[in-house]
Structure formats: structure tokens, C-alpha cells
Amino acid sequence: MIDKKDITGIILSGGKSSRMGTDKGFLMYEGKQFVQHSIDALKPLVSNAIIVSNNEAYDQFGLERIGDFIENGGPLAGIYSGLKHSSSEYNLVLSCDIPLISTKILMKLLDAVDGNSEVIQIESQGKNMPLIALYRKSCEQVFLKLLNAGERRLQRAVNQCQVKSVVLTEADNSFTQNINTPAQLKEIIK
């Protein structure tokens, strides 16, 4: 098991939230904003956490906030920005729109660490989830090269690295649900 002093948490909160119509990180679920659920899931496993967002309103959470080093680069640029800023070998990356995420799910990523994998991502219901993943610092240079070449697709970038997927059981699949629309939000609140 990796020592938490060697792990930084990176929360991506820079999306446009166009389908939701409002910044998803500030949506409420069970009395807490979405981004707070991500912070709470990460905290027991990391030495520090940062929020990647150009929105100063995220400063209220008391974490260091950094802007994107490359504007309009999507999640790939967000992860690159977090990795560039991090001094840790291992980096737990989460998007801010997964309010059901738990420390238990993130532990599965840490338990899967081996000597080869640069990216260890969750696989849920047959889908790879690179926004619930552990990234090694070495991905930073790969991602920068791709961003400079105009690449914006995260999965394409992840595939340039040594990747391992942790397949969730059916019982755990609900913890990784992305909430992108008002209908999906209504679904989890009922």
C-alpha cells in the first residue's frame, strides 16, 4: 500500500456544465455540495488535495485551487494541470460530478498499484472511467506533448500510458455515477 504522503488528490472542477446549466460542483446532495463529497472521499487517502478550476468560488473549500495551464483543453488539460502542480508520484484524480463516490472505491485503485501501471482507472458497467483514477507523475509529460499537438481527448491520452483497469462489482457500480443532467440529479435525490 502506498503511503498517503506520496499521494495528492486532484479534483477537476473546470467543466462547462452545459447539460446541467449550472456549475455541477456546487449542486447539493444530502446536505453537501458535490465537490465536498469528492473532498471527503479523497481526504483519508491523500497528503493534500487541490482543486483544478478557474472559478474562484471554489476557494471556499479551503483547498489550494489552480487554474488550467492550457485553456479550453477539457479534462485532459485539467489532469495535466494537476499533475504539473503536484509533487507526488501518485495522484488520485476525481471529477466533481460524482457525489456518490466513496473512500472505499478509491482504495481499490491504491490496492491495484504495481510496478508498471501509470494509470489505474475504475471500470464500471463496461466503461473505463479515467476521471476516477490514479495517475503517476510520469503521465504529465505524455499529456503535455499530446496537448501541444492539439489532442483534447482524455481516453486517447490515457491509452498512451501503461493502463490498468479495476473492474467494479455490480454492487459498487452506483458509487461512480456521473451526474450531468437535471434528470440524473433528480434520480439520485428521490
N, C-alpha and C. Protein backbone atom coordinates (compact mmCIF):
# COMPACT_ATOMS: atom_id res chain seq x y z
N MET A 1 0.85 -1.20 0.00
CA MET A 1 0.00 0.00 0.00
C MET A 1 0.88 1.25 0.00
N ILE A 2 0.51 2.22 -0.78
CA ILE A 2 1.25 3.47 -0.87
C ILE A 2 0.95 4.33 0.35
N ASP A 3 1.97 4.98 0.86
CA ASP A 3 1.79 5.89 1.99
C ASP A 3 1.08 7.15 1.51
N LYS A 4 0.14 7.66 2.29
CA LYS A 4 -0.63 8.82 1.86
C LYS A 4 0.23 10.05 1.64
N LYS A 5 1.42 10.10 2.23
CA LYS A 5 2.30 11.25 1.99
C LYS A 5 2.79 11.28 0.54
N ASP A 6 2.67 10.16 -0.17
CA ASP A 6 3.10 10.08 -1.57
C ASP A 6 1.94 10.25 -2.55
N ILE A 7 0.77 10.68 -2.05
CA ILE A 7 -0.41 10.80 -2.91
C ILE A 7 -1.03 12.19 -2.76
N THR A 8 -1.29 12.82 -3.89
CA THR A 8 -2.03 14.08 -3.94
C THR A 8 -3.40 13.80 -4.54
N GLY A 9 -4.41 14.45 -3.99
CA GLY A 9 -5.75 14.39 -4.57
C GLY A 9 -5.95 15.55 -5.52
N ILE A 10 -6.50 15.26 -6.69
CA ILE A 10 -6.75 16.29 -7.70
C ILE A 10 -8.23 16.23 -8.07
N ILE A 11 -8.95 17.32 -7.77
CA ILE A 11 -10.37 17.37 -8.07
C ILE A 11 -10.59 18.31 -9.25
N LEU A 12 -11.16 17.76 -10.32
CA LEU A 12 -11.40 18.55 -11.52
C LEU A 12 -12.76 19.23 -11.42
N SER A 13 -12.75 20.54 -11.43
CA SER A 13 -13.99 21.32 -11.30
C SER A 13 -14.05 22.42 -12.36
N GLY A 14 -13.51 22.15 -13.51
CA GLY A 14 -13.42 23.19 -14.53
C GLY A 14 -14.35 23.02 -15.70
N GLY A 15 -15.25 22.05 -15.64
CA GLY A 15 -16.12 21.79 -16.79
C GLY A 15 -17.12 22.90 -17.05
N LYS A 16 -17.67 22.89 -18.25
CA LYS A 16 -18.63 23.93 -18.64
C LYS A 16 -20.04 23.64 -18.12
N SER A 17 -20.31 22.39 -17.70
CA SER A 17 -21.62 22.01 -17.14
C SER A 17 -22.78 22.42 -18.05
N SER A 18 -22.60 22.32 -19.36
CA SER A 18 -23.62 22.81 -20.30
C SER A 18 -24.93 22.03 -20.20
N ARG A 19 -24.86 20.72 -19.97
CA ARG A 19 -26.11 19.94 -19.87
C ARG A 19 -26.85 20.22 -18.56
N MET A 20 -26.11 20.56 -17.51
CA MET A 20 -26.75 20.84 -16.23
C MET A 20 -27.25 22.28 -16.16
N GLY A 21 -26.55 23.18 -16.83
CA GLY A 21 -26.96 24.58 -16.84
C GLY A 21 -26.42 25.39 -15.67
N THR A 22 -25.68 24.74 -14.77
CA THR A 22 -25.05 25.42 -13.63
C THR A 22 -23.81 24.62 -13.24
N ASP A 23 -22.89 25.22 -12.51
CA ASP A 23 -21.65 24.55 -12.12
C ASP A 23 -21.97 23.35 -11.24
N LYS A 24 -21.64 22.15 -11.73
CA LYS A 24 -22.02 20.92 -11.03
C LYS A 24 -21.38 20.78 -9.65
N GLY A 25 -20.19 21.32 -9.48
CA GLY A 25 -19.52 21.19 -8.19
C GLY A 25 -20.29 21.78 -7.03
N PHE A 26 -21.18 22.74 -7.31
CA PHE A 26 -21.93 23.40 -6.25
C PHE A 26 -23.33 22.84 -6.06
N LEU A 27 -23.71 21.83 -6.85
CA LEU A 27 -25.02 21.19 -6.65
C LEU A 27 -25.04 20.49 -5.30
N MET A 28 -26.21 20.39 -4.73
CA MET A 28 -26.35 19.80 -3.40
C MET A 28 -26.82 18.35 -3.47
N TYR A 29 -26.23 17.52 -2.62
CA TYR A 29 -26.68 16.14 -2.45
C TYR A 29 -26.48 15.80 -0.97
N GLU A 30 -27.54 15.39 -0.31
CA GLU A 30 -27.50 15.04 1.11
C GLU A 30 -26.83 16.12 1.96
N GLY A 31 -27.21 17.37 1.71
CA GLY A 31 -26.75 18.49 2.53
C GLY A 31 -25.35 18.99 2.26
N LYS A 32 -24.68 18.44 1.25
CA LYS A 32 -23.32 18.88 0.94
C LYS A 32 -23.21 19.14 -0.56
N GLN A 33 -22.36 20.08 -0.92
CA GLN A 33 -22.11 20.34 -2.33
C GLN A 33 -21.32 19.16 -2.93
N PHE A 34 -21.56 18.92 -4.22
CA PHE A 34 -20.92 17.79 -4.90
C PHE A 34 -19.41 17.75 -4.65
N VAL A 35 -18.76 18.88 -4.78
CA VAL A 35 -17.29 18.89 -4.65
C VAL A 35 -16.88 18.47 -3.24
N GLN A 36 -17.70 18.77 -2.23
CA GLN A 36 -17.38 18.36 -0.87
C GLN A 36 -17.40 16.84 -0.73
N HIS A 37 -18.28 16.17 -1.46
CA HIS A 37 -18.30 14.70 -1.45
C HIS A 37 -16.98 14.15 -2.00
N SER A 38 -16.46 14.78 -3.06
CA SER A 38 -15.17 14.35 -3.62
C SER A 38 -14.04 14.58 -2.62
N ILE A 39 -14.06 15.74 -1.97
CA ILE A 39 -13.04 16.06 -0.96
C ILE A 39 -13.08 15.03 0.17
N ASP A 40 -14.28 14.73 0.65
CA ASP A 40 -14.43 13.79 1.77
C ASP A 40 -13.96 12.39 1.42
N ALA A 41 -14.19 11.96 0.18
CA ALA A 41 -13.75 10.62 -0.25
C ALA A 41 -12.23 10.56 -0.36
N LEU A 42 -11.61 11.64 -0.81
CA LEU A 42 -10.15 11.68 -1.01
C LEU A 42 -9.37 11.84 0.29
N LYS A 43 -9.86 12.68 1.20
CA LYS A 43 -9.09 13.12 2.38
C LYS A 43 -8.37 12.00 3.15
N PRO A 44 -9.02 10.86 3.44
CA PRO A 44 -8.32 9.84 4.22
C PRO A 44 -7.14 9.19 3.48
N LEU A 45 -7.03 9.41 2.17
CA LEU A 45 -6.04 8.68 1.37
C LEU A 45 -4.90 9.54 0.86
N VAL A 46 -5.00 10.86 1.00
CA VAL A 46 -4.01 11.75 0.38
C VAL A 46 -3.37 12.68 1.40
N SER A 47 -2.16 13.15 1.08
CA SER A 47 -1.49 14.10 1.97
C SER A 47 -2.04 15.50 1.78
N ASN A 48 -2.44 15.83 0.58
CA ASN A 48 -3.10 17.11 0.32
C ASN A 48 -3.94 16.97 -0.94
N ALA A 49 -4.85 17.91 -1.11
CA ALA A 49 -5.72 17.89 -2.28
C ALA A 49 -5.77 19.28 -2.89
N ILE A 50 -5.92 19.31 -4.21
CA ILE A 50 -6.04 20.58 -4.93
C ILE A 50 -7.28 20.51 -5.81
N ILE A 51 -7.83 21.66 -6.09
CA ILE A 51 -8.95 21.78 -7.00
C ILE A 51 -8.44 22.47 -8.26
N VAL A 52 -8.71 21.86 -9.40
CA VAL A 52 -8.34 22.48 -10.67
C VAL A 52 -9.59 23.17 -11.22
N SER A 53 -9.58 24.49 -11.18
CA SER A 53 -10.71 25.28 -11.66
C SER A 53 -10.28 26.73 -11.79
N ASN A 54 -10.84 27.42 -12.77
CA ASN A 54 -10.60 28.85 -12.90
C ASN A 54 -11.62 29.66 -12.10
N ASN A 55 -12.59 28.97 -11.49
CA ASN A 55 -13.66 29.61 -10.74
C ASN A 55 -13.22 29.87 -9.29
N GLU A 56 -13.06 31.13 -8.93
CA GLU A 56 -12.59 31.49 -7.58
C GLU A 56 -13.56 31.07 -6.48
N ALA A 57 -14.82 30.80 -6.83
CA ALA A 57 -15.80 30.38 -5.81
C ALA A 57 -15.38 29.07 -5.13
N TYR A 58 -14.53 28.28 -5.79
CA TYR A 58 -14.05 27.03 -5.18
C TYR A 58 -13.07 27.28 -4.03
N ASP A 59 -12.60 28.50 -3.88
CA ASP A 59 -11.69 28.82 -2.77
C ASP A 59 -12.36 28.60 -1.41
N GLN A 60 -13.68 28.64 -1.36
CA GLN A 60 -14.41 28.46 -0.10
C GLN A 60 -14.16 27.10 0.55
N PHE A 61 -13.66 26.13 -0.20
CA PHE A 61 -13.47 24.79 0.35
C PHE A 61 -12.15 24.63 1.10
N GLY A 62 -11.34 25.68 1.10
CA GLY A 62 -10.11 25.68 1.89
C GLY A 62 -8.97 24.86 1.31
N LEU A 63 -9.10 24.46 0.06
CA LEU A 63 -8.01 23.74 -0.60
C LEU A 63 -7.31 24.69 -1.56
N GLU A 64 -6.09 24.35 -1.92
CA GLU A 64 -5.41 25.13 -2.94
C GLU A 64 -6.16 24.94 -4.26
N ARG A 65 -6.37 26.03 -4.96
CA ARG A 65 -7.03 25.97 -6.26
C ARG A 65 -6.05 26.45 -7.31
N ILE A 66 -5.96 25.70 -8.39
CA ILE A 66 -5.11 26.13 -9.51
C ILE A 66 -5.96 26.20 -10.77
N GLY A 67 -5.61 27.12 -11.63
CA GLY A 67 -6.30 27.23 -12.91
C GLY A 67 -5.67 26.29 -13.93
N ASP A 68 -6.35 26.14 -15.04
CA ASP A 68 -5.81 25.32 -16.12
C ASP A 68 -4.59 26.01 -16.74
N PHE A 69 -3.51 25.26 -16.92
CA PHE A 69 -2.34 25.80 -17.59
C PHE A 69 -2.60 25.96 -19.08
N ILE A 70 -3.51 25.14 -19.60
CA ILE A 70 -3.89 25.20 -21.01
C ILE A 70 -5.40 25.40 -21.06
N GLU A 71 -5.83 26.56 -21.56
CA GLU A 71 -7.26 26.91 -21.58
C GLU A 71 -8.03 26.05 -22.57
N ASN A 72 -9.27 25.74 -22.23
CA ASN A 72 -10.21 25.02 -23.10
C ASN A 72 -9.67 23.67 -23.58
N GLY A 73 -8.93 23.03 -22.72
CA GLY A 73 -8.35 21.73 -23.07
C GLY A 73 -9.12 20.56 -22.48
N GLY A 74 -10.25 20.85 -21.82
CA GLY A 74 -11.07 19.78 -21.27
C GLY A 74 -10.39 19.06 -20.11
N PRO A 75 -10.91 17.86 -19.79
CA PRO A 75 -10.36 17.10 -18.66
C PRO A 75 -8.88 16.74 -18.84
N LEU A 76 -8.45 16.55 -20.07
CA LEU A 76 -7.03 16.23 -20.31
C LEU A 76 -6.15 17.37 -19.79
N ALA A 77 -6.51 18.60 -20.12
CA ALA A 77 -5.74 19.76 -19.64
C ALA A 77 -5.87 19.91 -18.13
N GLY A 78 -7.05 19.57 -17.59
CA GLY A 78 -7.24 19.65 -16.14
C GLY A 78 -6.33 18.68 -15.40
N ILE A 79 -6.27 17.45 -15.89
CA ILE A 79 -5.39 16.46 -15.25
C ILE A 79 -3.93 16.87 -15.42
N TYR A 80 -3.57 17.33 -16.62
CA TYR A 80 -2.20 17.80 -16.84
C TYR A 80 -1.86 18.91 -15.84
N SER A 81 -2.76 19.87 -15.67
CA SER A 81 -2.51 20.99 -14.75
C SER A 81 -2.30 20.49 -13.32
N GLY A 82 -3.13 19.53 -12.90
CA GLY A 82 -2.98 18.96 -11.57
C GLY A 82 -1.66 18.22 -11.40
N LEU A 83 -1.29 17.43 -12.42
CA LEU A 83 -0.03 16.68 -12.35
C LEU A 83 1.18 17.62 -12.34
N LYS A 84 1.10 18.67 -13.16
CA LYS A 84 2.21 19.64 -13.22
C LYS A 84 2.40 20.30 -11.86
N HIS A 85 1.31 20.59 -11.19
CA HIS A 85 1.38 21.26 -9.88
C HIS A 85 1.77 20.31 -8.75
N SER A 86 1.46 19.04 -8.90
CA SER A 86 1.69 18.06 -7.85
C SER A 86 3.17 17.72 -7.72
N SER A 87 3.59 17.46 -6.49
CA SER A 87 4.96 16.99 -6.26
C SER A 87 4.96 15.51 -5.88
N SER A 88 3.79 14.87 -5.95
CA SER A 88 3.65 13.46 -5.56
C SER A 88 3.83 12.53 -6.75
N GLU A 89 4.35 11.36 -6.48
CA GLU A 89 4.47 10.32 -7.50
C GLU A 89 3.10 9.81 -7.93
N TYR A 90 2.19 9.71 -6.97
CA TYR A 90 0.84 9.19 -7.24
C TYR A 90 -0.19 10.30 -7.03
N ASN A 91 -1.20 10.31 -7.90
CA ASN A 91 -2.21 11.36 -7.87
C ASN A 91 -3.58 10.76 -8.11
N LEU A 92 -4.45 10.89 -7.11
CA LEU A 92 -5.83 10.40 -7.23
C LEU A 92 -6.66 11.50 -7.86
N VAL A 93 -7.20 11.23 -9.05
CA VAL A 93 -7.96 12.23 -9.79
C VAL A 93 -9.45 11.89 -9.75
N LEU A 94 -10.25 12.90 -9.44
CA LEU A 94 -11.71 12.76 -9.41
C LEU A 94 -12.34 13.96 -10.07
N SER A 95 -13.40 13.73 -10.84
CA SER A 95 -14.19 14.88 -11.30
C SER A 95 -15.16 15.24 -10.18
N CYS A 96 -15.67 16.45 -10.24
CA CYS A 96 -16.51 16.95 -9.13
C CYS A 96 -17.97 16.53 -9.26
N ASP A 97 -18.31 15.74 -10.28
CA ASP A 97 -19.73 15.42 -10.52
C ASP A 97 -20.08 13.97 -10.17
N ILE A 98 -19.39 13.42 -9.17
CA ILE A 98 -19.61 12.03 -8.75
C ILE A 98 -19.93 12.03 -7.25
N PRO A 99 -21.10 12.54 -6.86
CA PRO A 99 -21.37 12.73 -5.43
C PRO A 99 -21.51 11.45 -4.61
N LEU A 100 -21.67 10.31 -5.25
CA LEU A 100 -21.81 9.05 -4.51
C LEU A 100 -20.47 8.37 -4.25
N ILE A 101 -19.38 8.95 -4.75
CA ILE A 101 -18.06 8.33 -4.62
C ILE A 101 -17.70 8.14 -3.15
N SER A 102 -16.94 7.08 -2.88
CA SER A 102 -16.55 6.79 -1.50
C SER A 102 -15.07 6.47 -1.41
N THR A 103 -14.55 6.61 -0.22
CA THR A 103 -13.15 6.26 0.03
C THR A 103 -12.92 4.79 -0.29
N LYS A 104 -13.90 3.95 0.00
CA LYS A 104 -13.78 2.51 -0.26
C LYS A 104 -13.50 2.22 -1.74
N ILE A 105 -14.17 2.92 -2.63
CA ILE A 105 -13.96 2.74 -4.07
C ILE A 105 -12.55 3.21 -4.44
N LEU A 106 -12.13 4.35 -3.92
CA LEU A 106 -10.80 4.87 -4.24
C LEU A 106 -9.70 3.97 -3.71
N MET A 107 -9.94 3.30 -2.59
CA MET A 107 -8.97 2.34 -2.04
C MET A 107 -8.66 1.23 -3.03
N LYS A 108 -9.65 0.84 -3.83
CA LYS A 108 -9.45 -0.22 -4.82
C LYS A 108 -8.36 0.17 -5.83
N LEU A 109 -8.29 1.46 -6.14
CA LEU A 109 -7.25 1.94 -7.05
C LEU A 109 -5.87 1.80 -6.40
N LEU A 110 -5.77 2.17 -5.14
CA LEU A 110 -4.48 2.08 -4.43
C LEU A 110 -4.06 0.63 -4.25
N ASP A 111 -5.03 -0.24 -3.99
CA ASP A 111 -4.73 -1.66 -3.82
C ASP A 111 -4.22 -2.31 -5.12
N ALA A 112 -4.50 -1.68 -6.26
CA ALA A 112 -4.11 -2.24 -7.56
C ALA A 112 -2.76 -1.75 -8.05
N VAL A 113 -2.09 -0.90 -7.27
CA VAL A 113 -0.80 -0.35 -7.69
C VAL A 113 0.21 -1.48 -7.89
N ASP A 114 0.94 -1.37 -9.01
CA ASP A 114 2.01 -2.33 -9.31
C ASP A 114 3.21 -1.53 -9.84
N GLY A 115 4.22 -2.20 -10.25
CA GLY A 115 5.43 -1.51 -10.72
C GLY A 115 5.33 -0.94 -12.12
N ASN A 116 4.32 -1.35 -12.90
CA ASN A 116 4.26 -0.95 -14.30
C ASN A 116 3.22 0.11 -14.63
N SER A 117 2.06 0.05 -14.01
CA SER A 117 0.93 0.88 -14.42
C SER A 117 1.16 2.36 -14.13
N GLU A 118 0.90 3.19 -15.14
CA GLU A 118 0.99 4.64 -14.97
C GLU A 118 -0.39 5.23 -14.68
N VAL A 119 -1.43 4.57 -15.17
CA VAL A 119 -2.81 4.98 -14.92
C VAL A 119 -3.57 3.74 -14.45
N ILE A 120 -4.23 3.87 -13.30
CA ILE A 120 -5.11 2.80 -12.82
C ILE A 120 -6.49 3.44 -12.70
N GLN A 121 -7.40 2.98 -13.55
CA GLN A 121 -8.73 3.60 -13.62
C GLN A 121 -9.81 2.61 -13.24
N ILE A 122 -10.92 3.15 -12.80
CA ILE A 122 -12.09 2.34 -12.49
C ILE A 122 -12.75 1.93 -13.81
N GLU A 123 -13.25 0.71 -13.86
CA GLU A 123 -14.11 0.28 -14.94
C GLU A 123 -15.45 -0.08 -14.31
N SER A 124 -16.50 0.58 -14.77
CA SER A 124 -17.83 0.38 -14.20
C SER A 124 -18.82 0.15 -15.34
N GLN A 125 -19.56 -0.92 -15.25
CA GLN A 125 -20.56 -1.28 -16.26
C GLN A 125 -19.97 -1.27 -17.67
N GLY A 126 -18.77 -1.81 -17.80
CA GLY A 126 -18.12 -1.92 -19.09
C GLY A 126 -17.48 -0.64 -19.61
N LYS A 127 -17.51 0.44 -18.81
CA LYS A 127 -16.93 1.72 -19.25
C LYS A 127 -15.70 2.05 -18.42
N ASN A 128 -14.63 2.47 -19.12
CA ASN A 128 -13.46 2.99 -18.43
C ASN A 128 -13.79 4.36 -17.87
N MET A 129 -13.28 4.64 -16.69
CA MET A 129 -13.56 5.91 -16.02
C MET A 129 -12.25 6.62 -15.66
N PRO A 130 -11.63 7.29 -16.64
CA PRO A 130 -10.36 7.97 -16.36
C PRO A 130 -10.49 9.18 -15.45
N LEU A 131 -11.74 9.53 -15.07
CA LEU A 131 -11.93 10.63 -14.11
C LEU A 131 -12.18 10.11 -12.70
N ILE A 132 -11.98 8.80 -12.53
CA ILE A 132 -11.86 8.18 -11.20
C ILE A 132 -10.65 7.27 -11.34
N ALA A 133 -9.47 7.84 -11.14
CA ALA A 133 -8.26 7.09 -11.47
C ALA A 133 -7.05 7.59 -10.68
N LEU A 134 -6.05 6.74 -10.64
CA LEU A 134 -4.77 7.06 -10.03
C LEU A 134 -3.76 7.26 -11.16
N TYR A 135 -3.13 8.42 -11.19
CA TYR A 135 -2.15 8.76 -12.23
C TYR A 135 -0.77 8.92 -11.60
N ARG A 136 0.21 8.34 -12.26
CA ARG A 136 1.59 8.58 -11.83
C ARG A 136 2.07 9.89 -12.44
N LYS A 137 3.01 10.50 -11.78
CA LYS A 137 3.56 11.79 -12.21
C LYS A 137 4.11 11.72 -13.64
N SER A 138 4.58 10.55 -14.06
CA SER A 138 5.17 10.39 -15.40
C SER A 138 4.20 10.69 -16.53
N CYS A 139 2.89 10.66 -16.26
CA CYS A 139 1.89 10.97 -17.30
C CYS A 139 1.95 12.43 -17.71
N GLU A 140 2.47 13.27 -16.84
CA GLU A 140 2.49 14.72 -17.11
C GLU A 140 3.12 15.04 -18.46
N GLN A 141 4.30 14.49 -18.73
CA GLN A 141 4.99 14.82 -19.99
C GLN A 141 4.26 14.26 -21.21
N VAL A 142 3.69 13.07 -21.08
CA VAL A 142 2.92 12.47 -22.17
C VAL A 142 1.74 13.37 -22.51
N PHE A 143 1.03 13.81 -21.47
CA PHE A 143 -0.16 14.64 -21.68
C PHE A 143 0.20 15.99 -22.29
N LEU A 144 1.30 16.59 -21.83
CA LEU A 144 1.72 17.88 -22.37
C LEU A 144 2.02 17.76 -23.86
N LYS A 145 2.74 16.72 -24.23
CA LYS A 145 3.08 16.51 -25.64
C LYS A 145 1.81 16.41 -26.49
N LEU A 146 0.84 15.66 -26.02
CA LEU A 146 -0.41 15.49 -26.76
C LEU A 146 -1.21 16.80 -26.81
N LEU A 147 -1.29 17.51 -25.71
CA LEU A 147 -1.99 18.79 -25.69
C LEU A 147 -1.35 19.78 -26.67
N ASN A 148 -0.02 19.81 -26.68
CA ASN A 148 0.68 20.71 -27.60
C ASN A 148 0.45 20.33 -29.06
N ALA A 149 0.11 19.05 -29.29
CA ALA A 149 -0.18 18.58 -30.66
C ALA A 149 -1.66 18.76 -31.00
N GLY A 150 -2.43 19.37 -30.08
CA GLY A 150 -3.83 19.65 -30.35
C GLY A 150 -4.80 18.58 -29.87
N GLU A 151 -4.30 17.53 -29.22
CA GLU A 151 -5.17 16.46 -28.72
C GLU A 151 -5.96 16.96 -27.51
N ARG A 152 -7.25 16.64 -27.47
CA ARG A 152 -8.09 17.03 -26.34
C ARG A 152 -8.84 15.83 -25.75
N ARG A 153 -8.74 14.68 -26.39
CA ARG A 153 -9.49 13.50 -25.93
C ARG A 153 -8.70 12.78 -24.83
N LEU A 154 -9.30 12.74 -23.65
CA LEU A 154 -8.64 12.14 -22.49
C LEU A 154 -8.34 10.67 -22.72
N GLN A 155 -9.29 9.92 -23.24
CA GLN A 155 -9.07 8.48 -23.42
C GLN A 155 -7.91 8.21 -24.37
N ARG A 156 -7.77 9.03 -25.40
CA ARG A 156 -6.64 8.88 -26.33
C ARG A 156 -5.32 9.09 -25.58
N ALA A 157 -5.29 10.06 -24.69
CA ALA A 157 -4.08 10.34 -23.92
C ALA A 157 -3.79 9.22 -22.93
N VAL A 158 -4.82 8.76 -22.23
CA VAL A 158 -4.65 7.67 -21.26
C VAL A 158 -4.08 6.43 -21.97
N ASN A 159 -4.55 6.18 -23.18
CA ASN A 159 -4.10 5.00 -23.92
C ASN A 159 -2.63 5.06 -24.34
N GLN A 160 -2.01 6.25 -24.20
CA GLN A 160 -0.57 6.38 -24.48
C GLN A 160 0.28 5.95 -23.28
N CYS A 161 -0.38 5.66 -22.19
CA CYS A 161 0.29 5.27 -20.94
C CYS A 161 0.05 3.79 -20.67
N GLN A 162 0.79 3.24 -19.70
CA GLN A 162 0.53 1.87 -19.23
C GLN A 162 -0.71 1.91 -18.35
N VAL A 163 -1.80 1.30 -18.82
CA VAL A 163 -3.09 1.42 -18.15
C VAL A 163 -3.53 0.09 -17.55
N LYS A 164 -4.14 0.20 -16.40
CA LYS A 164 -4.76 -0.96 -15.74
C LYS A 164 -6.15 -0.53 -15.31
N SER A 165 -7.11 -1.41 -15.46
CA SER A 165 -8.48 -1.10 -15.03
C SER A 165 -8.87 -1.97 -13.85
N VAL A 166 -9.57 -1.36 -12.91
CA VAL A 166 -10.11 -2.07 -11.75
C VAL A 166 -11.61 -2.21 -12.00
N VAL A 167 -12.05 -3.43 -12.23
CA VAL A 167 -13.45 -3.67 -12.56
C VAL A 167 -14.28 -3.74 -11.28
N LEU A 168 -15.30 -2.90 -11.21
CA LEU A 168 -16.16 -2.89 -10.03
C LEU A 168 -17.21 -3.99 -10.09
N THR A 169 -17.62 -4.43 -8.93
CA THR A 169 -18.73 -5.38 -8.85
C THR A 169 -20.02 -4.61 -9.13
N GLU A 170 -21.06 -5.34 -9.44
CA GLU A 170 -22.35 -4.70 -9.70
C GLU A 170 -22.82 -3.86 -8.52
N ALA A 171 -22.55 -4.34 -7.32
CA ALA A 171 -22.97 -3.63 -6.11
C ALA A 171 -22.27 -2.27 -5.98
N ASP A 172 -21.06 -2.15 -6.52
CA ASP A 172 -20.28 -0.91 -6.39
C ASP A 172 -20.50 0.07 -7.54
N ASN A 173 -21.16 -0.35 -8.61
CA ASN A 173 -21.30 0.50 -9.80
C ASN A 173 -21.99 1.83 -9.50
N SER A 174 -22.94 1.85 -8.58
CA SER A 174 -23.70 3.09 -8.33
C SER A 174 -22.81 4.21 -7.77
N PHE A 175 -21.71 3.85 -7.11
CA PHE A 175 -20.83 4.85 -6.49
C PHE A 175 -20.10 5.72 -7.51
N THR A 176 -20.09 5.29 -8.78
CA THR A 176 -19.32 6.00 -9.79
C THR A 176 -20.20 6.79 -10.76
N GLN A 177 -21.46 6.93 -10.44
CA GLN A 177 -22.41 7.59 -11.35
C GLN A 177 -22.09 9.08 -11.51
N ASN A 178 -21.87 9.49 -12.78
CA ASN A 178 -21.70 10.91 -13.10
C ASN A 178 -23.08 11.55 -13.15
N ILE A 179 -23.21 12.72 -12.56
CA ILE A 179 -24.47 13.45 -12.60
C ILE A 179 -24.28 14.64 -13.54
N ASN A 180 -24.83 14.52 -14.76
CA ASN A 180 -24.62 15.54 -15.79
C ASN A 180 -25.87 16.32 -16.16
N THR A 181 -27.04 15.83 -15.78
CA THR A 181 -28.28 16.48 -16.20
C THR A 181 -29.22 16.63 -15.00
N PRO A 182 -30.18 17.55 -15.08
CA PRO A 182 -31.16 17.68 -14.01
C PRO A 182 -31.92 16.37 -13.76
N ALA A 183 -32.19 15.60 -14.83
CA ALA A 183 -32.90 14.32 -14.66
C ALA A 183 -32.06 13.34 -13.84
N GLN A 184 -30.75 13.29 -14.08
CA GLN A 184 -29.88 12.38 -13.31
C GLN A 184 -29.80 12.83 -11.85
N LEU A 185 -29.82 14.12 -11.61
CA LEU A 185 -29.79 14.63 -10.25
C LEU A 185 -31.06 14.22 -9.52
N LYS A 186 -32.19 14.38 -10.18
CA LYS A 186 -33.48 14.01 -9.60
C LYS A 186 -33.50 12.52 -9.25
N GLU A 187 -32.87 11.72 -10.10
CA GLU A 187 -32.83 10.27 -9.93
C GLU A 187 -32.15 9.87 -8.61
N ILE A 188 -31.04 10.52 -8.26
CA ILE A 188 -30.32 10.14 -7.04
C ILE A 188 -30.93 10.75 -5.79
N ILE A 189 -31.71 11.83 -5.95
CA ILE A 189 -32.27 12.51 -4.79
C ILE A 189 -33.55 11.85 -4.32
N LYS A 190 -34.24 11.16 -5.19
CA LYS A 190 -35.57 10.61 -4.85
C LYS A 190 -35.55 9.70 -3.64
